Amino acid sequence: MPTETGEGLPRRFLGAFLLLGLERDGTSYGYELYETVKSLGLSVDLAAVYRGLRTMQQRDLVTSQWVSSLSGPDRRLYALTDSGQRAARGAASDLAAVSDGLAAALEHFRASDRPSA
């Protein structure tokens, strides 16, 4: 979904995508969420994902716990709280509104590009 210029989606969608990724998966590691967000066309660095998760944890939207790994360092596993689940539903509504607004704007401008009869 990235643009032809390679800029991708605005970073302001990061929080919504993190919430929705956790809602879909139930639990996830930060790096998995990073990969999900990148696959959606958002140009973001890994540090921004972890900052976003840390902020969400401070706002009681997510919880985390350390999980031991047999093949590497321990990893932090994230999950939504009840507040986070409500925020994810709100994020889905917000994204739908943005999508509808963009579709309406594009249709308006396409219609204005058509020659008059």
N, C-alpha and C. Protein backbone atom coordinates (compact mmCIF):
# COMPACT_ATOMS: atom_id res chain seq x y z
N MET A 1 0.79 -1.19 0.00
CA MET A 1 0.00 0.00 0.00
C MET A 1 0.84 1.27 0.00
N PRO A 2 2.17 1.20 0.02
CA PRO A 2 2.97 2.41 -0.01
C PRO A 2 2.73 3.20 -1.29
N THR A 3 2.98 4.50 -1.21
CA THR A 3 2.82 5.36 -2.36
C THR A 3 3.95 5.11 -3.35
N GLU A 4 3.79 5.64 -4.56
CA GLU A 4 4.83 5.45 -5.58
C GLU A 4 6.14 6.11 -5.17
N THR A 5 6.06 7.15 -4.36
CA THR A 5 7.28 7.83 -3.93
C THR A 5 7.97 7.09 -2.80
N GLY A 6 7.33 6.03 -2.29
CA GLY A 6 7.94 5.22 -1.25
C GLY A 6 7.80 5.80 0.14
N GLU A 7 6.99 6.83 0.32
CA GLU A 7 6.86 7.46 1.63
C GLU A 7 6.03 6.62 2.58
N GLY A 8 5.08 5.87 2.10
CA GLY A 8 4.24 5.05 2.96
C GLY A 8 3.17 5.87 3.66
N LEU A 9 2.47 5.21 4.55
CA LEU A 9 1.40 5.85 5.30
C LEU A 9 1.97 6.77 6.38
N PRO A 10 1.17 7.76 6.79
CA PRO A 10 1.65 8.66 7.87
C PRO A 10 1.88 7.91 9.17
N ARG A 11 2.88 8.34 9.90
CA ARG A 11 3.24 7.69 11.17
C ARG A 11 2.15 7.84 12.23
N ARG A 12 1.22 8.76 12.02
CA ARG A 12 0.17 8.96 13.02
C ARG A 12 -0.74 7.74 13.14
N PHE A 13 -0.64 6.81 12.21
CA PHE A 13 -1.43 5.60 12.27
C PHE A 13 -0.76 4.50 13.10
N LEU A 14 0.44 4.74 13.58
CA LEU A 14 1.18 3.71 14.30
C LEU A 14 0.41 3.16 15.50
N GLY A 15 -0.08 4.03 16.36
CA GLY A 15 -0.79 3.57 17.54
C GLY A 15 -2.00 2.72 17.20
N ALA A 16 -2.76 3.16 16.21
CA ALA A 16 -3.94 2.39 15.78
C ALA A 16 -3.54 1.02 15.27
N PHE A 17 -2.48 0.95 14.47
CA PHE A 17 -2.05 -0.33 13.92
C PHE A 17 -1.52 -1.26 15.01
N LEU A 18 -0.84 -0.70 16.00
CA LEU A 18 -0.35 -1.53 17.11
C LEU A 18 -1.53 -2.11 17.89
N LEU A 19 -2.50 -1.26 18.20
CA LEU A 19 -3.68 -1.73 18.92
C LEU A 19 -4.43 -2.81 18.13
N LEU A 20 -4.63 -2.55 16.86
CA LEU A 20 -5.37 -3.51 16.03
C LEU A 20 -4.59 -4.81 15.84
N GLY A 21 -3.28 -4.71 15.74
CA GLY A 21 -2.46 -5.92 15.64
C GLY A 21 -2.57 -6.78 16.88
N LEU A 22 -2.56 -6.12 18.04
CA LEU A 22 -2.71 -6.87 19.29
C LEU A 22 -4.12 -7.43 19.44
N GLU A 23 -5.10 -6.68 18.99
CA GLU A 23 -6.48 -7.18 19.07
C GLU A 23 -6.64 -8.42 18.19
N ARG A 24 -6.06 -8.39 17.02
CA ARG A 24 -6.17 -9.52 16.09
C ARG A 24 -5.43 -10.75 16.62
N ASP A 25 -4.22 -10.55 17.13
CA ASP A 25 -3.37 -11.67 17.51
C ASP A 25 -3.53 -12.11 18.97
N GLY A 26 -4.13 -11.28 19.79
CA GLY A 26 -4.25 -11.60 21.21
C GLY A 26 -3.02 -11.18 21.98
N THR A 27 -1.87 -11.71 21.62
CA THR A 27 -0.58 -11.30 22.19
C THR A 27 0.42 -11.22 21.05
N SER A 28 1.46 -10.46 21.28
CA SER A 28 2.49 -10.35 20.24
C SER A 28 3.75 -9.75 20.84
N TYR A 29 4.85 -10.03 20.21
CA TYR A 29 6.12 -9.43 20.56
C TYR A 29 6.29 -8.14 19.77
N GLY A 30 7.08 -7.23 20.31
CA GLY A 30 7.30 -5.95 19.65
C GLY A 30 7.78 -6.10 18.21
N TYR A 31 8.72 -7.00 17.98
CA TYR A 31 9.24 -7.14 16.62
C TYR A 31 8.18 -7.67 15.67
N GLU A 32 7.32 -8.56 16.13
CA GLU A 32 6.23 -9.05 15.29
C GLU A 32 5.27 -7.92 14.92
N LEU A 33 4.99 -7.05 15.88
CA LEU A 33 4.14 -5.91 15.60
C LEU A 33 4.81 -4.96 14.61
N TYR A 34 6.09 -4.78 14.75
CA TYR A 34 6.87 -3.97 13.80
C TYR A 34 6.72 -4.52 12.39
N GLU A 35 6.87 -5.82 12.24
CA GLU A 35 6.73 -6.44 10.92
C GLU A 35 5.32 -6.27 10.36
N THR A 36 4.32 -6.41 11.22
CA THR A 36 2.93 -6.21 10.79
C THR A 36 2.72 -4.79 10.30
N VAL A 37 3.18 -3.82 11.07
CA VAL A 37 3.01 -2.41 10.71
C VAL A 37 3.72 -2.11 9.39
N LYS A 38 4.92 -2.61 9.22
CA LYS A 38 5.65 -2.39 7.97
C LYS A 38 4.91 -3.01 6.79
N SER A 39 4.31 -4.19 6.99
CA SER A 39 3.60 -4.85 5.90
C SER A 39 2.36 -4.07 5.47
N LEU A 40 1.87 -3.19 6.32
CA LEU A 40 0.71 -2.36 6.00
C LEU A 40 1.09 -1.08 5.28
N GLY A 41 2.37 -0.85 5.10
CA GLY A 41 2.82 0.32 4.35
C GLY A 41 3.24 1.49 5.20
N LEU A 42 3.34 1.30 6.50
CA LEU A 42 3.76 2.38 7.37
C LEU A 42 5.28 2.40 7.46
N SER A 43 5.87 3.51 7.15
CA SER A 43 7.32 3.66 7.21
C SER A 43 7.69 4.08 8.63
N VAL A 44 8.18 3.13 9.41
CA VAL A 44 8.46 3.38 10.81
C VAL A 44 9.67 2.56 11.24
N ASP A 45 10.39 3.06 12.25
CA ASP A 45 11.52 2.27 12.73
C ASP A 45 11.12 1.48 13.98
N LEU A 46 11.90 0.49 14.28
CA LEU A 46 11.62 -0.42 15.38
C LEU A 46 11.55 0.33 16.71
N ALA A 47 12.41 1.31 16.90
CA ALA A 47 12.41 2.07 18.16
C ALA A 47 11.08 2.79 18.36
N ALA A 48 10.48 3.28 17.29
CA ALA A 48 9.18 3.97 17.40
C ALA A 48 8.10 3.00 17.86
N VAL A 49 8.16 1.76 17.40
CA VAL A 49 7.19 0.75 17.82
C VAL A 49 7.33 0.51 19.32
N TYR A 50 8.54 0.33 19.80
CA TYR A 50 8.75 0.10 21.23
C TYR A 50 8.38 1.33 22.07
N ARG A 51 8.64 2.53 21.56
CA ARG A 51 8.22 3.74 22.28
C ARG A 51 6.69 3.78 22.36
N GLY A 52 6.03 3.45 21.25
CA GLY A 52 4.58 3.44 21.23
C GLY A 52 4.01 2.42 22.21
N LEU A 53 4.60 1.24 22.24
CA LEU A 53 4.15 0.21 23.18
C LEU A 53 4.37 0.64 24.63
N ARG A 54 5.50 1.28 24.89
CA ARG A 54 5.80 1.74 26.25
C ARG A 54 4.78 2.82 26.67
N THR A 55 4.47 3.73 25.75
CA THR A 55 3.47 4.76 26.04
C THR A 55 2.10 4.14 26.29
N MET A 56 1.75 3.14 25.49
CA MET A 56 0.47 2.46 25.68
C MET A 56 0.43 1.74 27.02
N GLN A 57 1.56 1.21 27.44
CA GLN A 57 1.62 0.53 28.73
C GLN A 57 1.44 1.55 29.86
N GLN A 58 2.04 2.72 29.72
CA GLN A 58 1.88 3.77 30.73
C GLN A 58 0.43 4.25 30.80
N ARG A 59 -0.29 4.16 29.70
CA ARG A 59 -1.70 4.58 29.64
C ARG A 59 -2.65 3.42 29.96
N ASP A 60 -2.11 2.31 30.38
CA ASP A 60 -2.88 1.11 30.74
C ASP A 60 -3.69 0.56 29.56
N LEU A 61 -3.13 0.66 28.37
CA LEU A 61 -3.77 0.07 27.19
C LEU A 61 -3.21 -1.31 26.89
N VAL A 62 -1.95 -1.54 27.29
CA VAL A 62 -1.33 -2.85 27.09
C VAL A 62 -0.61 -3.27 28.37
N THR A 63 -0.45 -4.56 28.51
CA THR A 63 0.40 -5.12 29.56
C THR A 63 1.52 -5.87 28.85
N SER A 64 2.56 -6.16 29.59
CA SER A 64 3.64 -6.94 29.01
C SER A 64 4.23 -7.84 30.07
N GLN A 65 4.84 -8.90 29.60
CA GLN A 65 5.55 -9.81 30.50
C GLN A 65 6.76 -10.36 29.75
N TRP A 66 7.80 -10.64 30.51
CA TRP A 66 8.99 -11.23 29.93
C TRP A 66 8.77 -12.72 29.73
N VAL A 67 9.16 -13.21 28.55
CA VAL A 67 9.01 -14.62 28.21
C VAL A 67 10.39 -15.16 27.88
N SER A 68 10.75 -16.28 28.49
CA SER A 68 12.04 -16.92 28.23
C SER A 68 12.05 -17.51 26.83
N SER A 69 13.22 -17.46 26.21
CA SER A 69 13.40 -18.02 24.88
C SER A 69 14.51 -19.07 24.93
N LEU A 70 14.30 -20.16 24.26
CA LEU A 70 15.32 -21.20 24.20
C LEU A 70 16.44 -20.86 23.23
N SER A 71 16.15 -19.99 22.27
CA SER A 71 17.13 -19.72 21.21
C SER A 71 17.64 -18.29 21.21
N GLY A 72 17.49 -17.56 22.29
CA GLY A 72 17.98 -16.19 22.31
C GLY A 72 17.59 -15.52 23.61
N PRO A 73 17.69 -14.20 23.63
CA PRO A 73 17.37 -13.47 24.86
C PRO A 73 15.87 -13.52 25.16
N ASP A 74 15.53 -13.27 26.42
CA ASP A 74 14.13 -13.17 26.81
C ASP A 74 13.47 -12.06 25.99
N ARG A 75 12.17 -12.24 25.76
CA ARG A 75 11.44 -11.24 24.97
C ARG A 75 10.20 -10.80 25.74
N ARG A 76 9.77 -9.57 25.43
CA ARG A 76 8.59 -9.01 26.09
C ARG A 76 7.37 -9.31 25.22
N LEU A 77 6.36 -9.92 25.84
CA LEU A 77 5.12 -10.27 25.16
C LEU A 77 4.05 -9.27 25.58
N TYR A 78 3.39 -8.67 24.59
CA TYR A 78 2.39 -7.63 24.85
C TYR A 78 0.99 -8.17 24.64
N ALA A 79 0.04 -7.64 25.43
CA ALA A 79 -1.38 -7.97 25.30
C ALA A 79 -2.20 -6.73 25.65
N LEU A 80 -3.40 -6.66 25.10
CA LEU A 80 -4.28 -5.54 25.39
C LEU A 80 -4.94 -5.71 26.75
N THR A 81 -5.14 -4.60 27.43
CA THR A 81 -5.98 -4.57 28.62
C THR A 81 -7.42 -4.35 28.16
N ASP A 82 -8.36 -4.33 29.10
CA ASP A 82 -9.74 -4.00 28.75
C ASP A 82 -9.82 -2.61 28.11
N SER A 83 -9.09 -1.67 28.68
CA SER A 83 -9.04 -0.31 28.11
C SER A 83 -8.44 -0.34 26.71
N GLY A 84 -7.43 -1.17 26.53
CA GLY A 84 -6.80 -1.31 25.22
C GLY A 84 -7.75 -1.89 24.18
N GLN A 85 -8.58 -2.83 24.61
CA GLN A 85 -9.56 -3.40 23.68
C GLN A 85 -10.57 -2.34 23.25
N ARG A 86 -11.00 -1.51 24.18
CA ARG A 86 -11.90 -0.40 23.81
C ARG A 86 -11.18 0.58 22.89
N ALA A 87 -9.92 0.86 23.18
CA ALA A 87 -9.15 1.77 22.33
C ALA A 87 -8.95 1.19 20.94
N ALA A 88 -8.78 -0.12 20.83
CA ALA A 88 -8.63 -0.77 19.52
C ALA A 88 -9.91 -0.62 18.71
N ARG A 89 -11.06 -0.79 19.35
CA ARG A 89 -12.33 -0.61 18.65
C ARG A 89 -12.47 0.84 18.19
N GLY A 90 -12.06 1.78 19.04
CA GLY A 90 -12.08 3.19 18.66
C GLY A 90 -11.13 3.47 17.51
N ALA A 91 -9.96 2.84 17.54
CA ALA A 91 -8.98 3.03 16.46
C ALA A 91 -9.53 2.51 15.14
N ALA A 92 -10.23 1.37 15.19
CA ALA A 92 -10.83 0.82 13.97
C ALA A 92 -11.88 1.78 13.41
N SER A 93 -12.69 2.37 14.29
CA SER A 93 -13.69 3.34 13.85
C SER A 93 -13.02 4.58 13.26
N ASP A 94 -11.98 5.06 13.93
CA ASP A 94 -11.25 6.23 13.44
C ASP A 94 -10.65 5.97 12.07
N LEU A 95 -10.02 4.81 11.90
CA LEU A 95 -9.43 4.48 10.60
C LEU A 95 -10.50 4.36 9.51
N ALA A 96 -11.65 3.80 9.87
CA ALA A 96 -12.75 3.69 8.90
C ALA A 96 -13.22 5.09 8.49
N ALA A 97 -13.31 6.01 9.44
CA ALA A 97 -13.72 7.37 9.14
C ALA A 97 -12.70 8.06 8.23
N VAL A 98 -11.42 7.86 8.51
CA VAL A 98 -10.37 8.43 7.66
C VAL A 98 -10.48 7.85 6.25
N SER A 99 -10.68 6.55 6.16
CA SER A 99 -10.82 5.89 4.86
C SER A 99 -12.01 6.45 4.08
N ASP A 100 -13.15 6.57 4.77
CA ASP A 100 -14.35 7.11 4.12
C ASP A 100 -14.13 8.54 3.66
N GLY A 101 -13.50 9.34 4.51
CA GLY A 101 -13.23 10.73 4.16
C GLY A 101 -12.29 10.85 2.97
N LEU A 102 -11.25 10.03 2.95
CA LEU A 102 -10.32 10.06 1.81
C LEU A 102 -11.01 9.60 0.53
N ALA A 103 -11.83 8.57 0.62
CA ALA A 103 -12.55 8.08 -0.56
C ALA A 103 -13.48 9.16 -1.09
N ALA A 104 -14.18 9.87 -0.20
CA ALA A 104 -15.07 10.95 -0.62
C ALA A 104 -14.29 12.09 -1.27
N ALA A 105 -13.16 12.44 -0.66
CA ALA A 105 -12.34 13.52 -1.23
C ALA A 105 -11.81 13.14 -2.61
N LEU A 106 -11.32 11.92 -2.74
CA LEU A 106 -10.81 11.48 -4.04
C LEU A 106 -11.91 11.47 -5.09
N GLU A 107 -13.09 11.01 -4.72
CA GLU A 107 -14.21 11.00 -5.66
C GLU A 107 -14.57 12.43 -6.07
N HIS A 108 -14.57 13.34 -5.10
CA HIS A 108 -14.86 14.74 -5.41
C HIS A 108 -13.86 15.31 -6.42
N PHE A 109 -12.59 15.07 -6.18
CA PHE A 109 -11.58 15.62 -7.07
C PHE A 109 -11.56 14.91 -8.42
N ARG A 110 -11.87 13.64 -8.45
CA ARG A 110 -11.98 12.94 -9.72
C ARG A 110 -13.14 13.49 -10.52
N ALA A 111 -14.27 13.75 -9.85
CA ALA A 111 -15.45 14.29 -10.53
C ALA A 111 -15.15 15.68 -11.08
N SER A 112 -14.36 16.48 -10.36
CA SER A 112 -14.05 17.83 -10.83
C SER A 112 -13.06 17.80 -11.99
N ASP A 113 -12.35 16.69 -12.18
CA ASP A 113 -11.42 16.56 -13.30
C ASP A 113 -12.12 16.16 -14.59
N ARG A 114 -13.36 15.68 -14.47
CA ARG A 114 -14.09 15.24 -15.66
C ARG A 114 -14.55 16.45 -16.47
N PRO A 115 -14.47 16.36 -17.77
CA PRO A 115 -14.92 17.49 -18.59
C PRO A 115 -16.45 17.67 -18.48
N SER A 116 -16.86 18.92 -18.51
CA SER A 116 -18.30 19.22 -18.47
C SER A 116 -18.93 18.89 -19.80
N ALA A 117 -20.21 18.51 -19.75
CA ALA A 117 -20.92 18.14 -20.99
C ALA A 117 -21.45 19.35 -21.68
